[in-house]
Amino acid sequence: MCNRLSNHSLIPERQLGKNGPKVPAISYGAMGLSISYGTIGSDEERFKVLDRAIELGSTYFDSADVYGDNEDLLGKYFKKYPEQLKKVFLATKFGGVFSPDTKSYSIRGDAQY
């Protein structure tokens, strides 16, 4: 089965697990909105990127709390454009901790996190 896009493209879908939801096979990795790839744009500029991903049918968004202001940005976006949240499957990772002092990455699973 495919996700029909703006009359010009098709993205195949995949089912998550045995009984899970169907999501686009091409996901949108949101890390670049907040870290790692040059200068960070304004919220409005980054909102346009999210709009375009949805327009293209890449509605399986991947985020993480370790990606700078990424999850805060997504929260602002969905608060401003609540109709877009209905179109998106949002996946997040948490518990990843980067230590700038030792330049190491670790996982926290404790209740305090």
PDB file of N, CA and C in Angstrom:
ATOM      1  N   MET A   1       0.840  -1.171   0.000  1.00  0.00           N
ATOM      2  CA  MET A   1       0.000   0.000   0.000  1.00  0.00           C
ATOM      3  C   MET A   1       0.887   1.236   0.000  1.00  0.00           C
ATOM      4  N   CYS A   2       0.431   2.300  -0.642  1.00  0.00           N
ATOM      5  CA  CYS A   2       1.206   3.523  -0.747  1.00  0.00           C
ATOM      6  C   CYS A   2       0.432   4.717  -0.228  1.00  0.00           C
ATOM      7  N   ASN A   3       1.185   5.725   0.143  1.00  0.00           N
ATOM      8  CA  ASN A   3       0.636   6.990   0.608  1.00  0.00           C
ATOM      9  C   ASN A   3       0.590   7.930  -0.589  1.00  0.00           C
ATOM     10  N   ARG A   4      -0.581   8.317  -1.039  1.00  0.00           N
ATOM     11  CA  ARG A   4      -0.707   9.188  -2.205  1.00  0.00           C
ATOM     12  C   ARG A   4      -0.333  10.609  -1.820  1.00  0.00           C
ATOM     13  N   LEU A   5       0.554  11.197  -2.572  1.00  0.00           N
ATOM     14  CA  LEU A   5       1.020  12.548  -2.305  1.00  0.00           C
ATOM     15  C   LEU A   5       0.543  13.506  -3.374  1.00  0.00           C
ATOM     16  N   SER A   6       0.290  14.702  -3.043  1.00  0.00           N
ATOM     17  CA  SER A   6       0.043  15.847  -3.906  1.00  0.00           C
ATOM     18  C   SER A   6      -0.002  15.545  -5.408  1.00  0.00           C
ATOM     19  N   ASN A   7      -0.610  14.464  -5.814  1.00  0.00           N
ATOM     20  CA  ASN A   7      -0.780  14.103  -7.224  1.00  0.00           C
ATOM     21  C   ASN A   7       0.527  13.946  -7.991  1.00  0.00           C
ATOM     22  N   HIS A   8       1.658  13.775  -7.326  1.00  0.00           N
ATOM     23  CA  HIS A   8       2.898  13.644  -8.087  1.00  0.00           C
ATOM     24  C   HIS A   8       3.869  12.589  -7.572  1.00  0.00           C
ATOM     25  N   SER A   9       3.561  11.913  -6.502  1.00  0.00           N
ATOM     26  CA  SER A   9       4.517  10.950  -5.970  1.00  0.00           C
ATOM     27  C   SER A   9       3.822   9.917  -5.093  1.00  0.00           C
ATOM     28  N   LEU A  10       4.483   8.808  -4.916  1.00  0.00           N
ATOM     29  CA  LEU A  10       3.995   7.754  -4.022  1.00  0.00           C
ATOM     30  C   LEU A  10       5.098   7.369  -3.053  1.00  0.00           C
ATOM     31  N   ILE A  11       4.753   7.195  -1.803  1.00  0.00           N
ATOM     32  CA  ILE A  11       5.699   6.683  -0.810  1.00  0.00           C
ATOM     33  C   ILE A  11       5.103   5.402  -0.251  1.00  0.00           C
ATOM     34  N   PRO A  12       5.827   4.293  -0.360  1.00  0.00           N
ATOM     35  CA  PRO A  12       5.315   3.045   0.215  1.00  0.00           C
ATOM     36  C   PRO A  12       5.185   3.157   1.723  1.00  0.00           C
ATOM     37  N   GLU A  13       4.288   2.393   2.272  1.00  0.00           N
ATOM     38  CA  GLU A  13       4.082   2.360   3.718  1.00  0.00           C
ATOM     39  C   GLU A  13       4.573   1.039   4.280  1.00  0.00           C
ATOM     40  N   ARG A  14       4.914   1.073   5.553  1.00  0.00           N
ATOM     41  CA  ARG A  14       5.329  -0.112   6.295  1.00  0.00           C
ATOM     42  C   ARG A  14       4.504  -0.169   7.579  1.00  0.00           C
ATOM     43  N   GLN A  15       4.175  -1.389   7.972  1.00  0.00           N
ATOM     44  CA  GLN A  15       3.472  -1.554   9.237  1.00  0.00           C
ATOM     45  C   GLN A  15       4.488  -1.733  10.342  1.00  0.00           C
ATOM     46  N   LEU A  16       4.295  -1.018  11.443  1.00  0.00           N
ATOM     47  CA  LEU A  16       5.172  -1.167  12.597  1.00  0.00           C
ATOM     48  C   LEU A  16       4.678  -2.339  13.437  1.00  0.00           C
ATOM     49  N   GLY A  17       5.495  -3.344  13.553  1.00  0.00           N
ATOM     50  CA  GLY A  17       5.109  -4.518  14.324  1.00  0.00           C
ATOM     51  C   GLY A  17       4.002  -5.297  13.648  1.00  0.00           C
ATOM     52  N   LYS A  18       3.443  -6.233  14.398  1.00  0.00           N
ATOM     53  CA  LYS A  18       2.411  -7.112  13.849  1.00  0.00           C
ATOM     54  C   LYS A  18       1.067  -6.412  13.687  1.00  0.00           C
ATOM     55  N   ASN A  19       0.700  -5.578  14.642  1.00  0.00           N
ATOM     56  CA  ASN A  19      -0.595  -4.908  14.623  1.00  0.00           C
ATOM     57  C   ASN A  19      -0.485  -3.395  14.711  1.00  0.00           C
ATOM     58  N   GLY A  20       0.718  -2.875  14.502  1.00  0.00           N
ATOM     59  CA  GLY A  20       0.940  -1.443  14.665  1.00  0.00           C
ATOM     60  C   GLY A  20       0.441  -0.613  13.495  1.00  0.00           C
ATOM     61  N   PRO A  21       0.610   0.683  13.614  1.00  0.00           N
ATOM     62  CA  PRO A  21       0.152   1.590  12.562  1.00  0.00           C
ATOM     63  C   PRO A  21       1.003   1.468  11.303  1.00  0.00           C
ATOM     64  N   LYS A  22       0.444   1.889  10.197  1.00  0.00           N
ATOM     65  CA  LYS A  22       1.205   1.982   8.953  1.00  0.00           C
ATOM     66  C   LYS A  22       1.795   3.379   8.879  1.00  0.00           C
ATOM     67  N   VAL A  23       3.075   3.426   8.521  1.00  0.00           N
ATOM     68  CA  VAL A  23       3.786   4.694   8.427  1.00  0.00           C
ATOM     69  C   VAL A  23       4.538   4.737   7.100  1.00  0.00           C
ATOM     70  N   PRO A  24       4.851   5.932   6.605  1.00  0.00           N
ATOM     71  CA  PRO A  24       5.633   6.023   5.376  1.00  0.00           C
ATOM     72  C   PRO A  24       6.995   5.351   5.534  1.00  0.00           C
ATOM     73  N   ALA A  25       7.457   4.693   4.489  1.00  0.00           N
ATOM     74  CA  ALA A  25       8.754   4.021   4.523  1.00  0.00           C
ATOM     75  C   ALA A  25       9.898   5.028   4.577  1.00  0.00           C
ATOM     76  N   ILE A  26       9.657   6.249   4.122  1.00  0.00           N
ATOM     77  CA  ILE A  26      10.660   7.303   4.191  1.00  0.00           C
ATOM     78  C   ILE A  26      10.263   8.235   5.326  1.00  0.00           C
ATOM     79  N   SER A  27      11.068   8.223   6.373  1.00  0.00           N
ATOM     80  CA  SER A  27      10.746   9.062   7.530  1.00  0.00           C
ATOM     81  C   SER A  27      11.486  10.387   7.434  1.00  0.00           C
ATOM     82  N   TYR A  28      11.103  11.313   8.289  1.00  0.00           N
ATOM     83  CA  TYR A  28      11.784  12.591   8.377  1.00  0.00           C
ATOM     84  C   TYR A  28      12.566  12.619   9.683  1.00  0.00           C
ATOM     85  N   GLY A  29      13.881  12.638   9.599  1.00  0.00           N
ATOM     86  CA  GLY A  29      14.741  12.746  10.765  1.00  0.00           C
ATOM     87  C   GLY A  29      14.915  14.213  11.116  1.00  0.00           C
ATOM     88  N   ALA A  30      14.374  14.629  12.244  1.00  0.00           N
ATOM     89  CA  ALA A  30      14.298  16.046  12.590  1.00  0.00           C
ATOM     90  C   ALA A  30      15.554  16.602  13.273  1.00  0.00           C
ATOM     91  N   MET A  31      16.578  15.794  13.477  1.00  0.00           N
ATOM     92  CA  MET A  31      17.771  16.252  14.177  1.00  0.00           C
ATOM     93  C   MET A  31      18.378  17.496  13.529  1.00  0.00           C
ATOM     94  N   GLY A  32      18.447  17.527  12.218  1.00  0.00           N
ATOM     95  CA  GLY A  32      19.083  18.628  11.512  1.00  0.00           C
ATOM     96  C   GLY A  32      18.408  19.972  11.702  1.00  0.00           C
ATOM     97  N   LEU A  33      17.184  19.973  12.220  1.00  0.00           N
ATOM     98  CA  LEU A  33      16.525  21.248  12.498  1.00  0.00           C
ATOM     99  C   LEU A  33      17.179  21.981  13.655  1.00  0.00           C
ATOM    100  N   SER A  34      17.891  21.255  14.513  1.00  0.00           N
ATOM    101  CA  SER A  34      18.371  21.843  15.761  1.00  0.00           C
ATOM    102  C   SER A  34      19.870  21.725  16.012  1.00  0.00           C
ATOM    103  N   ILE A  35      20.523  20.727  15.451  1.00  0.00           N
ATOM    104  CA  ILE A  35      21.962  20.548  15.702  1.00  0.00           C
ATOM    105  C   ILE A  35      22.642  19.932  14.488  1.00  0.00           C
ATOM    106  N   SER A  36      23.941  20.019  14.475  1.00  0.00           N
ATOM    107  CA  SER A  36      24.838  19.244  13.621  1.00  0.00           C
ATOM    108  C   SER A  36      25.027  19.699  12.183  1.00  0.00           C
ATOM    109  N   TYR A  37      24.132  20.433  11.588  1.00  0.00           N
ATOM    110  CA  TYR A  37      24.258  20.715  10.155  1.00  0.00           C
ATOM    111  C   TYR A  37      24.276  22.206   9.847  1.00  0.00           C
ATOM    112  N   GLY A  38      25.167  22.957  10.460  1.00  0.00           N
ATOM    113  CA  GLY A  38      25.301  24.371  10.152  1.00  0.00           C
ATOM    114  C   GLY A  38      24.436  25.269  11.019  1.00  0.00           C
ATOM    115  N   THR A  39      24.224  26.473  10.503  1.00  0.00           N
ATOM    116  CA  THR A  39      23.469  27.494  11.227  1.00  0.00           C
ATOM    117  C   THR A  39      22.014  27.074  11.387  1.00  0.00           C
ATOM    118  N   ILE A  40      21.493  27.286  12.575  1.00  0.00           N
ATOM    119  CA  ILE A  40      20.102  26.941  12.879  1.00  0.00           C
ATOM    120  C   ILE A  40      19.218  28.120  12.477  1.00  0.00           C
ATOM    121  N   GLY A  41      18.178  27.841  11.717  1.00  0.00           N
ATOM    122  CA  GLY A  41      17.269  28.888  11.266  1.00  0.00           C
ATOM    123  C   GLY A  41      16.308  29.320  12.358  1.00  0.00           C
ATOM    124  N   SER A  42      15.515  30.326  12.022  1.00  0.00           N
ATOM    125  CA  SER A  42      14.469  30.782  12.943  1.00  0.00           C
ATOM    126  C   SER A  42      13.400  29.696  13.057  1.00  0.00           C
ATOM    127  N   ASP A  43      12.558  29.815  14.064  1.00  0.00           N
ATOM    128  CA  ASP A  43      11.455  28.860  14.201  1.00  0.00           C
ATOM    129  C   ASP A  43      10.614  28.845  12.930  1.00  0.00           C
ATOM    130  N   GLU A  44      10.300  30.008  12.391  1.00  0.00           N
ATOM    131  CA  GLU A  44       9.446  30.070  11.186  1.00  0.00           C
ATOM    132  C   GLU A  44      10.107  29.385   9.992  1.00  0.00           C
ATOM    133  N   GLU A  45      11.420  29.544   9.839  1.00  0.00           N
ATOM    134  CA  GLU A  45      12.129  28.863   8.753  1.00  0.00           C
ATOM    135  C   GLU A  45      12.063  27.344   8.935  1.00  0.00           C
ATOM    136  N   ARG A  46      12.235  26.914  10.161  1.00  0.00           N
ATOM    137  CA  ARG A  46      12.210  25.478  10.434  1.00  0.00           C
ATOM    138  C   ARG A  46      10.791  24.927  10.323  1.00  0.00           C
ATOM    139  N   PHE A  47       9.780  25.734  10.647  1.00  0.00           N
ATOM    140  CA  PHE A  47       8.389  25.311  10.454  1.00  0.00           C
ATOM    141  C   PHE A  47       8.126  25.033   8.977  1.00  0.00           C
ATOM    142  N   LYS A  48       8.715  25.818   8.091  1.00  0.00           N
ATOM    143  CA  LYS A  48       8.537  25.610   6.648  1.00  0.00           C
ATOM    144  C   LYS A  48       9.111  24.263   6.212  1.00  0.00           C
ATOM    145  N   VAL A  49      10.216  23.856   6.844  1.00  0.00           N
ATOM    146  CA  VAL A  49      10.806  22.546   6.542  1.00  0.00           C
ATOM    147  C   VAL A  49       9.833  21.435   6.951  1.00  0.00           C
ATOM    148  N   LEU A  50       9.242  21.572   8.126  1.00  0.00           N
ATOM    149  CA  LEU A  50       8.276  20.570   8.593  1.00  0.00           C
ATOM    150  C   LEU A  50       7.049  20.535   7.680  1.00  0.00           C
ATOM    151  N   ASP A  51       6.568  21.713   7.281  1.00  0.00           N
ATOM    152  CA  ASP A  51       5.438  21.768   6.345  1.00  0.00           C
ATOM    153  C   ASP A  51       5.762  21.024   5.049  1.00  0.00           C
ATOM    154  N   ARG A  52       6.969  21.236   4.550  1.00  0.00           N
ATOM    155  CA  ARG A  52       7.360  20.606   3.283  1.00  0.00           C
ATOM    156  C   ARG A  52       7.471  19.086   3.436  1.00  0.00           C
ATOM    157  N   ALA A  53       8.025  18.630   4.548  1.00  0.00           N
ATOM    158  CA  ALA A  53       8.116  17.182   4.776  1.00  0.00           C
ATOM    159  C   ALA A  53       6.720  16.562   4.745  1.00  0.00           C
ATOM    160  N   ILE A  54       5.772  17.205   5.419  1.00  0.00           N
ATOM    161  CA  ILE A  54       4.393  16.696   5.436  1.00  0.00           C
ATOM    162  C   ILE A  54       3.791  16.748   4.038  1.00  0.00           C
ATOM    163  N   GLU A  55       4.020  17.840   3.341  1.00  0.00           N
ATOM    164  CA  GLU A  55       3.503  17.979   1.971  1.00  0.00           C
ATOM    165  C   GLU A  55       4.018  16.864   1.067  1.00  0.00           C
ATOM    166  N   LEU A  56       5.268  16.465   1.258  1.00  0.00           N
ATOM    167  CA  LEU A  56       5.870  15.408   0.439  1.00  0.00           C
ATOM    168  C   LEU A  56       5.460  14.008   0.885  1.00  0.00           C
ATOM    169  N   GLY A  57       4.778  13.920   2.028  1.00  0.00           N
ATOM    170  CA  GLY A  57       4.313  12.628   2.513  1.00  0.00           C
ATOM    171  C   GLY A  57       5.246  11.949   3.487  1.00  0.00           C
ATOM    172  N   SER A  58       6.309  12.623   3.886  1.00  0.00           N
ATOM    173  CA  SER A  58       7.225  12.066   4.872  1.00  0.00           C
ATOM    174  C   SER A  58       6.711  12.461   6.255  1.00  0.00           C
ATOM    175  N   THR A  59       5.704  11.726   6.702  1.00  0.00           N
ATOM    176  CA  THR A  59       4.967  12.089   7.909  1.00  0.00           C
ATOM    177  C   THR A  59       5.308  11.217   9.118  1.00  0.00           C
ATOM    178  N   TYR A  60       6.365  10.440   9.020  1.00  0.00           N
ATOM    179  CA  TYR A  60       6.887   9.672  10.150  1.00  0.00           C
ATOM    180  C   TYR A  60       8.089  10.463  10.646  1.00  0.00           C
ATOM    181  N   PHE A  61       7.897  11.278  11.691  1.00  0.00           N
ATOM    182  CA  PHE A  61       8.943  12.151  12.208  1.00  0.00           C
ATOM    183  C   PHE A  61       9.709  11.440  13.317  1.00  0.00           C
ATOM    184  N   ASP A  62      11.031  11.576  13.273  1.00  0.00           N
ATOM    185  CA  ASP A  62      11.905  11.006  14.291  1.00  0.00           C
ATOM    186  C   ASP A  62      12.620  12.139  15.015  1.00  0.00           C
ATOM    187  N   SER A  63      12.587  12.125  16.334  1.00  0.00           N
ATOM    188  CA  SER A  63      13.207  13.167  17.148  1.00  0.00           C
ATOM    189  C   SER A  63      13.865  12.534  18.368  1.00  0.00           C
ATOM    190  N   ALA A  64      14.527  13.382  19.178  1.00  0.00           N
ATOM    191  CA  ALA A  64      15.112  12.928  20.446  1.00  0.00           C
ATOM    192  C   ALA A  64      15.378  14.130  21.326  1.00  0.00           C
ATOM    193  N   ASP A  65      15.331  13.915  22.623  1.00  0.00           N
ATOM    194  CA  ASP A  65      15.579  15.028  23.541  1.00  0.00           C
ATOM    195  C   ASP A  65      17.023  15.504  23.514  1.00  0.00           C
ATOM    196  N   VAL A  66      17.919  14.704  22.994  1.00  0.00           N
ATOM    197  CA  VAL A  66      19.325  15.090  22.924  1.00  0.00           C
ATOM    198  C   VAL A  66      19.612  15.963  21.690  1.00  0.00           C
ATOM    199  N   TYR A  67      18.628  16.194  20.843  1.00  0.00           N
ATOM    200  CA  TYR A  67      18.801  16.992  19.626  1.00  0.00           C
ATOM    201  C   TYR A  67      18.552  18.479  19.891  1.00  0.00           C
ATOM    202  N   GLY A  68      19.233  19.065  20.836  1.00  0.00           N
ATOM    203  CA  GLY A  68      19.087  20.494  21.105  1.00  0.00           C
ATOM    204  C   GLY A  68      17.654  20.868  21.433  1.00  0.00           C
ATOM    205  N   ASP A  69      17.135  21.894  20.755  1.00  0.00           N
ATOM    206  CA  ASP A  69      15.767  22.367  21.028  1.00  0.00           C
ATOM    207  C   ASP A  69      14.722  21.643  20.172  1.00  0.00           C
ATOM    208  N   ASN A  70      15.100  20.518  19.589  1.00  0.00           N
ATOM    209  CA  ASN A  70      14.266  19.809  18.631  1.00  0.00           C
ATOM    210  C   ASN A  70      12.859  19.519  19.118  1.00  0.00           C
ATOM    211  N   GLU A  71      12.736  18.934  20.278  1.00  0.00           N
ATOM    212  CA  GLU A  71      11.401  18.568  20.761  1.00  0.00           C
ATOM    213  C   GLU A  71      10.606  19.799  21.195  1.00  0.00           C
ATOM    214  N   ASP A  72      11.284  20.821  21.697  1.00  0.00           N
ATOM    215  CA  ASP A  72      10.596  22.078  21.999  1.00  0.00           C
ATOM    216  C   ASP A  72      10.075  22.708  20.713  1.00  0.00           C
ATOM    217  N   LEU A  73      10.888  22.675  19.665  1.00  0.00           N
ATOM    218  CA  LEU A  73      10.481  23.216  18.368  1.00  0.00           C
ATOM    219  C   LEU A  73       9.260  22.479  17.831  1.00  0.00           C
ATOM    220  N   LEU A  74       9.279  21.163  17.890  1.00  0.00           N
ATOM    221  CA  LEU A  74       8.122  20.383  17.417  1.00  0.00           C
ATOM    222  C   LEU A  74       6.877  20.729  18.234  1.00  0.00           C
ATOM    223  N   GLY A  75       7.042  20.917  19.535  1.00  0.00           N
ATOM    224  CA  GLY A  75       5.918  21.309  20.382  1.00  0.00           C
ATOM    225  C   GLY A  75       5.340  22.652  19.958  1.00  0.00           C
ATOM    226  N   LYS A  76       6.207  23.618  19.680  1.00  0.00           N
ATOM    227  CA  LYS A  76       5.748  24.933  19.215  1.00  0.00           C
ATOM    228  C   LYS A  76       5.029  24.824  17.873  1.00  0.00           C
ATOM    229  N   TYR A  77       5.597  24.009  16.989  1.00  0.00           N
ATOM    230  CA  TYR A  77       5.015  23.826  15.662  1.00  0.00           C
ATOM    231  C   TYR A  77       3.602  23.235  15.759  1.00  0.00           C
ATOM    232  N   PHE A  78       3.461  22.165  16.522  1.00  0.00           N
ATOM    233  CA  PHE A  78       2.149  21.516  16.622  1.00  0.00           C
ATOM    234  C   PHE A  78       1.150  22.355  17.418  1.00  0.00           C
ATOM    235  N   LYS A  79       1.644  23.200  18.315  1.00  0.00           N
ATOM    236  CA  LYS A  79       0.745  24.114  19.017  1.00  0.00           C
ATOM    237  C   LYS A  79       0.215  25.175  18.043  1.00  0.00           C
ATOM    238  N   LYS A  80       1.096  25.662  17.179  1.00  0.00           N
ATOM    239  CA  LYS A  80       0.702  26.695  16.213  1.00  0.00           C
ATOM    240  C   LYS A  80      -0.129  26.118  15.073  1.00  0.00           C
ATOM    241  N   TYR A  81       0.182  24.881  14.674  1.00  0.00           N
ATOM    242  CA  TYR A  81      -0.501  24.225  13.554  1.00  0.00           C
ATOM    243  C   TYR A  81      -1.056  22.868  13.998  1.00  0.00           C
ATOM    244  N   PRO A  82      -2.062  22.857  14.868  1.00  0.00           N
ATOM    245  CA  PRO A  82      -2.554  21.588  15.428  1.00  0.00           C
ATOM    246  C   PRO A  82      -3.087  20.618  14.372  1.00  0.00           C
ATOM    247  N   GLU A  83      -3.555  21.119  13.245  1.00  0.00           N
ATOM    248  CA  GLU A  83      -4.058  20.230  12.191  1.00  0.00           C
ATOM    249  C   GLU A  83      -2.949  19.359  11.614  1.00  0.00           C
ATOM    250  N   GLN A  84      -1.689  19.806  11.700  1.00  0.00           N
ATOM    251  CA  GLN A  84      -0.575  19.031  11.165  1.00  0.00           C
ATOM    252  C   GLN A  84      -0.279  17.795  12.023  1.00  0.00           C
ATOM    253  N   LEU A  85      -0.543  17.888  13.314  1.00  0.00           N
ATOM    254  CA  LEU A  85      -0.275  16.757  14.202  1.00  0.00           C
ATOM    255  C   LEU A  85      -1.104  15.543  13.812  1.00  0.00           C
ATOM    256  N   LYS A  86      -2.297  15.765  13.302  1.00  0.00           N
ATOM    257  CA  LYS A  86      -3.162  14.660  12.869  1.00  0.00           C
ATOM    258  C   LYS A  86      -2.561  13.884  11.704  1.00  0.00           C
ATOM    259  N   LYS A  87      -1.619  14.487  10.994  1.00  0.00           N
ATOM    260  CA  LYS A  87      -1.017  13.881   9.811  1.00  0.00           C
ATOM    261  C   LYS A  87       0.297  13.166  10.104  1.00  0.00           C
ATOM    262  N   VAL A  88       0.816  13.313  11.327  1.00  0.00           N
ATOM    263  CA  VAL A  88       2.177  12.875  11.634  1.00  0.00           C
ATOM    264  C   VAL A  88       2.191  11.736  12.646  1.00  0.00           C
ATOM    265  N   PHE A  89       3.076  10.771  12.419  1.00  0.00           N
ATOM    266  CA  PHE A  89       3.410   9.757  13.414  1.00  0.00           C
ATOM    267  C   PHE A  89       4.739  10.207  14.001  1.00  0.00           C
ATOM    268  N   LEU A  90       4.765  10.540  15.282  1.00  0.00           N
ATOM    269  CA  LEU A  90       5.943  11.093  15.922  1.00  0.00           C
ATOM    270  C   LEU A  90       6.629  10.044  16.790  1.00  0.00           C
ATOM    271  N   ALA A  91       7.887   9.776  16.468  1.00  0.00           N
ATOM    272  CA  ALA A  91       8.693   8.847  17.262  1.00  0.00           C
ATOM    273  C   ALA A  91       9.782   9.650  17.954  1.00  0.00           C
ATOM    274  N   THR A  92      10.084   9.296  19.183  1.00  0.00           N
ATOM    275  CA  THR A  92      11.138   9.990  19.907  1.00  0.00           C
ATOM    276  C   THR A  92      12.001   8.986  20.665  1.00  0.00           C
ATOM    277  N   LYS A  93      13.197   9.422  20.920  1.00  0.00           N
ATOM    278  CA  LYS A  93      14.118   8.633  21.737  1.00  0.00           C
ATOM    279  C   LYS A  93      14.437   9.486  22.959  1.00  0.00           C
ATOM    280  N   PHE A  94      14.659   8.854  24.088  1.00  0.00           N
ATOM    281  CA  PHE A  94      14.983   9.623  25.284  1.00  0.00           C
ATOM    282  C   PHE A  94      15.963   8.835  26.134  1.00  0.00           C
ATOM    283  N   GLY A  95      16.602   9.552  27.024  1.00  0.00           N
ATOM    284  CA  GLY A  95      17.564   8.920  27.918  1.00  0.00           C
ATOM    285  C   GLY A  95      18.988   9.019  27.416  1.00  0.00           C
ATOM    286  N   GLY A  96      19.183   9.509  26.210  1.00  0.00           N
ATOM    287  CA  GLY A  96      20.529   9.686  25.689  1.00  0.00           C
ATOM    288  C   GLY A  96      21.132  10.954  26.269  1.00  0.00           C
ATOM    289  N   VAL A  97      22.319  10.857  26.816  1.00  0.00           N
ATOM    290  CA  VAL A  97      22.965  11.998  27.451  1.00  0.00           C
ATOM    291  C   VAL A  97      24.348  12.177  26.845  1.00  0.00           C
ATOM    292  N   PHE A  98      24.603  13.373  26.348  1.00  0.00           N
ATOM    293  CA  PHE A  98      25.925  13.700  25.801  1.00  0.00           C
ATOM    294  C   PHE A  98      26.662  14.565  26.809  1.00  0.00           C
ATOM    295  N   SER A  99      27.889  14.192  27.127  1.00  0.00           N
ATOM    296  CA  SER A  99      28.717  14.971  28.054  1.00  0.00           C
ATOM    297  C   SER A  99      29.738  15.758  27.244  1.00  0.00           C
ATOM    298  N   PRO A 100      29.584  17.094  27.180  1.00  0.00           N
ATOM    299  CA  PRO A 100      30.551  17.897  26.432  1.00  0.00           C
ATOM    300  C   PRO A 100      31.957  17.832  27.030  1.00  0.00           C
ATOM    301  N   ASP A 101      32.035  17.634  28.338  1.00  0.00           N
ATOM    302  CA  ASP A 101      33.350  17.584  28.996  1.00  0.00           C
ATOM    303  C   ASP A 101      34.169  16.392  28.532  1.00  0.00           C
ATOM    304  N   THR A 102      33.552  15.228  28.521  1.00  0.00           N
ATOM    305  CA  THR A 102      34.279  14.015  28.139  1.00  0.00           C
ATOM    306  C   THR A 102      34.002  13.597  26.696  1.00  0.00           C
ATOM    307  N   LYS A 103      33.131  14.357  26.024  1.00  0.00           N
ATOM    308  CA  LYS A 103      32.719  14.038  24.649  1.00  0.00           C
ATOM    309  C   LYS A 103      32.257  12.589  24.525  1.00  0.00           C
ATOM    310  N   SER A 104      31.486  12.180  25.540  1.00  0.00           N
ATOM    311  CA  SER A 104      30.969  10.821  25.547  1.00  0.00           C
ATOM    312  C   SER A 104      29.447  10.837  25.559  1.00  0.00           C
ATOM    313  N   TYR A 105      28.892   9.739  25.147  1.00  0.00           N
ATOM    314  CA  TYR A 105      27.439   9.568  25.068  1.00  0.00           C
ATOM    315  C   TYR A 105      27.074   8.375  25.933  1.00  0.00           C
ATOM    316  N   SER A 106      26.046   8.540  26.749  1.00  0.00           N
ATOM    317  CA  SER A 106      25.598   7.430  27.585  1.00  0.00           C
ATOM    318  C   SER A 106      24.074   7.407  27.625  1.00  0.00           C
ATOM    319  N   ILE A 107      23.548   6.336  28.154  1.00  0.00           N
ATOM    320  CA  ILE A 107      22.097   6.158  28.265  1.00  0.00           C
ATOM    321  C   ILE A 107      21.723   6.163  29.737  1.00  0.00           C
ATOM    322  N   ARG A 108      20.682   6.932  30.057  1.00  0.00           N
ATOM    323  CA  ARG A 108      20.161   6.944  31.425  1.00  0.00           C
ATOM    324  C   ARG A 108      18.780   6.305  31.411  1.00  0.00           C
ATOM    325  N   GLY A 109      18.568   5.398  32.320  1.00  0.00           N
ATOM    326  CA  GLY A 109      17.276   4.762  32.452  1.00  0.00           C
ATOM    327  C   GLY A 109      16.689   4.935  33.834  1.00  0.00           C
ATOM    328  N   ASP A 110      17.292   5.827  34.610  1.00  0.00           N
ATOM    329  CA  ASP A 110      16.843   5.997  35.984  1.00  0.00           C
ATOM    330  C   ASP A 110      15.575   6.853  36.050  1.00  0.00           C
ATOM    331  N   ALA A 111      14.836   6.688  37.120  1.00  0.00           N
ATOM    332  CA  ALA A 111      13.561   7.396  37.295  1.00  0.00           C
ATOM    333  C   ALA A 111      13.737   8.905  37.359  1.00  0.00           C
ATOM    334  N   GLN A 112      14.848   9.391  37.851  1.00  0.00           N
ATOM    335  CA  GLN A 112      15.080  10.826  37.969  1.00  0.00           C
ATOM    336  C   GLN A 112      15.211  11.493  36.604  1.00  0.00           C
ATOM    337  N   TYR A 113      15.647  10.740  35.593  1.00  0.00           N
ATOM    338  CA  TYR A 113      15.784  11.320  34.262  1.00  0.00           C
ATOM    339  C   TYR A 113      14.429  11.691  33.732  1.00  0.00           C
TER     340      TYR A 113
END
